[in-house]
Amino acid sequence: MKAPRKPSGRRALPFYWWRRFATHKQLPYKANLLDKIRNNDFEYSPFFDQAKWELEWMKDEQNIFISEYQGRDPMEDRLYIDIEARARKRYNKLFADAMKDEYDRMDRLTMGLVKSFKMNKDDIKDIINEFEGTTEDLYFHVAKLKGYNIKSLEILNNYKRI
């Protein structure tokens, strides 16, 4: 996936200055697990992509610096090194956020499945590790394993929303 255009002019948050994009709005903790799954609350963390984009933007900025440089060796200039230091710092912060966010999402999904289907946490983790498919497919797969009728489950979930 190609990196989007680097955002500019966004007011930096004092505690999250390294984030350039708005975060995903998750549903409240009381919401139904299937609704959370359909809201993409448990999908791949966007911070991984953003960290990768930071490195791409760094390369672009460095190439512009080299093309406009008027001294002898642009790679030894302090400004060139500062470009990399800034980008690497932001990359490290985003990657740490991504790892924390990914762990949190997997833990909330596991605990949600445990509570919804009254299964052992280790069994759910084994199912998640072996399963190939979307998160919604995983939800219905676990429901089938527990002997739930899928149509009844969907009707109950729709009934709770009304």
Protein backbone atom coordinates (compact mmCIF):
# COMPACT_ATOMS: atom_id res chain seq x y z
CA MET A 1 0.00 0.00 0.00
CA LYS A 2 1.33 3.39 -0.99
CA ALA A 3 1.86 5.92 1.75
CA PRO A 4 -0.66 8.78 1.77
CA ARG A 5 0.41 12.37 1.49
CA LYS A 6 2.11 13.56 4.66
CA PRO A 7 -0.41 15.57 6.70
CA SER A 8 0.57 19.08 7.64
CA GLY A 9 -0.89 21.73 9.85
CA ARG A 10 -2.53 19.34 12.30
CA ARG A 11 -2.35 20.66 15.80
CA ALA A 12 -0.07 18.37 17.79
CA LEU A 13 -1.49 16.87 20.94
CA PRO A 14 0.94 17.45 23.80
CA PHE A 15 0.83 13.84 25.00
CA TYR A 16 0.67 12.16 21.60
CA TRP A 17 2.77 14.46 19.42
CA TRP A 18 4.01 11.55 17.28
CA ARG A 19 0.54 10.68 15.95
CA ARG A 20 -0.44 12.39 12.71
CA PHE A 21 -3.87 10.79 12.17
CA ALA A 22 -7.05 10.55 14.20
CA THR A 23 -7.52 7.27 16.05
CA HIS A 24 -10.32 4.76 15.54
CA LYS A 25 -13.43 5.45 17.62
CA GLN A 26 -14.26 2.24 19.48
CA LEU A 27 -17.67 1.31 20.77
CA PRO A 28 -18.27 1.52 24.54
CA TYR A 29 -17.30 -1.48 26.64
CA LYS A 30 -20.98 -2.34 27.21
CA ALA A 31 -21.63 -2.80 23.49
CA ASN A 32 -22.32 -6.24 22.06
CA LEU A 33 -19.22 -8.19 20.97
CA LEU A 34 -20.56 -8.73 17.45
CA ASP A 35 -21.24 -4.99 17.10
CA LYS A 36 -17.68 -4.28 18.20
CA ILE A 37 -16.39 -6.76 15.64
CA ARG A 38 -18.46 -5.13 12.90
CA ASN A 39 -17.14 -1.71 14.02
CA ASN A 40 -13.58 -3.03 13.39
CA ASP A 41 -12.58 -2.63 17.03
CA PHE A 42 -10.41 -5.76 16.86
CA GLU A 43 -8.77 -5.34 13.45
CA TYR A 44 -5.10 -4.76 12.67
CA SER A 45 -3.73 -1.65 14.39
CA PRO A 46 -3.32 1.33 12.01
CA PHE A 47 -0.21 2.43 13.91
CA PHE A 48 1.88 -0.22 12.11
CA ASP A 49 1.11 1.35 8.73
CA GLN A 50 1.66 4.84 10.10
CA ALA A 51 5.08 3.83 11.44
CA LYS A 52 6.01 2.44 8.02
CA TRP A 53 4.83 5.66 6.35
CA GLU A 54 7.05 7.70 8.64
CA LEU A 55 10.11 5.95 7.23
CA GLU A 56 8.90 6.56 3.67
CA TRP A 57 8.32 10.24 4.40
CA MET A 58 11.77 10.41 5.97
CA LYS A 59 13.36 9.08 2.78
CA ASP A 60 11.41 11.61 0.70
CA GLU A 61 12.47 14.46 2.97
CA GLN A 62 16.08 13.33 2.87
CA ASN A 63 16.03 13.08 -0.93
CA ILE A 64 14.65 16.63 -1.16
CA PHE A 65 17.37 17.79 1.25
CA ILE A 66 20.09 16.13 -0.86
CA SER A 67 18.77 17.61 -4.10
CA GLU A 68 18.71 21.14 -2.63
CA TYR A 69 21.98 20.85 -0.68
CA GLN A 70 24.80 23.19 -1.67
CA GLY A 71 27.72 21.93 0.43
CA ARG A 72 30.13 19.02 -0.09
CA ASP A 73 28.53 15.99 1.58
CA PRO A 74 24.84 16.32 2.48
CA MET A 75 24.77 13.07 4.46
CA GLU A 76 27.23 14.44 7.01
CA ASP A 77 25.28 17.63 7.56
CA ARG A 78 23.58 17.96 10.95
CA LEU A 79 20.24 18.88 9.34
CA TYR A 80 20.26 15.61 7.37
CA ILE A 81 20.90 13.64 10.55
CA ASP A 82 18.14 15.58 12.36
CA ILE A 83 15.64 14.54 9.70
CA GLU A 84 16.43 10.90 10.39
CA ALA A 85 16.49 11.33 14.17
CA ARG A 86 13.03 12.96 14.18
CA ALA A 87 11.55 10.32 11.91
CA ARG A 88 13.11 7.44 13.85
CA LYS A 89 11.83 8.83 17.15
CA ARG A 90 8.31 9.12 15.73
CA TYR A 91 8.63 5.62 14.17
CA ASN A 92 9.71 4.10 17.50
CA LYS A 93 6.83 5.77 19.36
CA LEU A 94 4.28 4.67 16.74
CA PHE A 95 5.62 1.12 16.70
CA ALA A 96 5.46 0.92 20.51
CA ASP A 97 1.88 2.21 20.37
CA ALA A 98 1.09 -0.34 17.67
CA MET A 99 2.41 -3.24 19.74
CA LYS A 100 0.51 -2.07 22.83
CA ASP A 101 -2.66 -1.49 20.80
CA GLU A 102 -2.43 -4.88 19.08
CA TYR A 103 -1.95 -6.69 22.39
CA ASP A 104 -4.89 -4.79 23.90
CA ARG A 105 -7.15 -5.60 20.93
CA MET A 106 -6.31 -9.29 21.03
CA ASP A 107 -6.82 -9.42 24.78
CA ARG A 108 -10.21 -7.67 24.56
CA LEU A 109 -11.28 -10.01 21.73
CA THR A 110 -10.20 -13.07 23.71
CA MET A 111 -11.98 -11.91 26.85
CA GLY A 112 -15.08 -10.99 24.84
CA LEU A 113 -15.23 -14.45 23.31
CA VAL A 114 -14.63 -16.05 26.72
CA LYS A 115 -17.52 -14.11 28.25
CA SER A 116 -19.87 -14.55 25.30
CA PHE A 117 -19.40 -18.29 24.90
CA LYS A 118 -18.32 -19.26 28.44
CA MET A 119 -15.18 -21.03 27.31
CA ASN A 120 -11.71 -21.39 28.74
CA LYS A 121 -9.30 -18.57 27.81
CA ASP A 122 -6.61 -21.00 26.65
CA ASP A 123 -9.08 -22.79 24.36
CA ILE A 124 -10.10 -19.46 22.80
CA LYS A 125 -6.45 -18.52 22.27
CA ASP A 126 -5.80 -21.85 20.55
CA ILE A 127 -8.81 -21.33 18.27
CA ILE A 128 -7.69 -17.78 17.42
CA ASN A 129 -4.15 -18.94 16.59
CA GLU A 130 -5.35 -21.70 14.28
CA PHE A 131 -8.24 -19.85 12.62
CA GLU A 132 -7.92 -18.45 9.09
CA GLY A 133 -10.52 -15.83 8.23
CA THR A 134 -12.11 -12.59 9.36
CA THR A 135 -12.91 -11.69 12.94
CA GLU A 136 -16.63 -12.00 12.27
CA ASP A 137 -16.07 -15.48 10.81
CA LEU A 138 -14.12 -16.35 13.97
CA TYR A 139 -17.08 -15.27 16.12
CA PHE A 140 -19.47 -17.54 14.22
CA HIS A 141 -16.91 -20.36 14.15
CA VAL A 142 -16.66 -20.30 17.96
CA ALA A 143 -20.47 -20.15 18.15
CA LYS A 144 -20.69 -23.28 15.98
CA LEU A 145 -18.11 -25.05 18.14
CA LYS A 146 -20.24 -24.33 21.21
CA GLY A 147 -23.38 -25.59 19.43
CA TYR A 148 -25.17 -22.26 19.02
CA ASN A 149 -27.64 -21.84 16.19
CA ILE A 150 -26.16 -19.06 14.04
CA LYS A 151 -29.52 -17.71 12.84
CA SER A 152 -30.85 -17.52 16.39
CA LEU A 153 -27.65 -15.79 17.49
CA GLU A 154 -28.03 -13.13 14.78
CA ILE A 155 -31.70 -12.59 15.65
CA LEU A 156 -30.81 -12.15 19.34
CA ASN A 157 -28.05 -9.69 18.47
CA ASN A 158 -30.43 -7.67 16.27
CA TYR A 159 -33.13 -7.79 18.95
CA LYS A 160 -30.76 -6.33 21.57
CA ARG A 161 -30.12 -3.28 19.37
CA ILE A 162 -33.81 -2.35 18.98
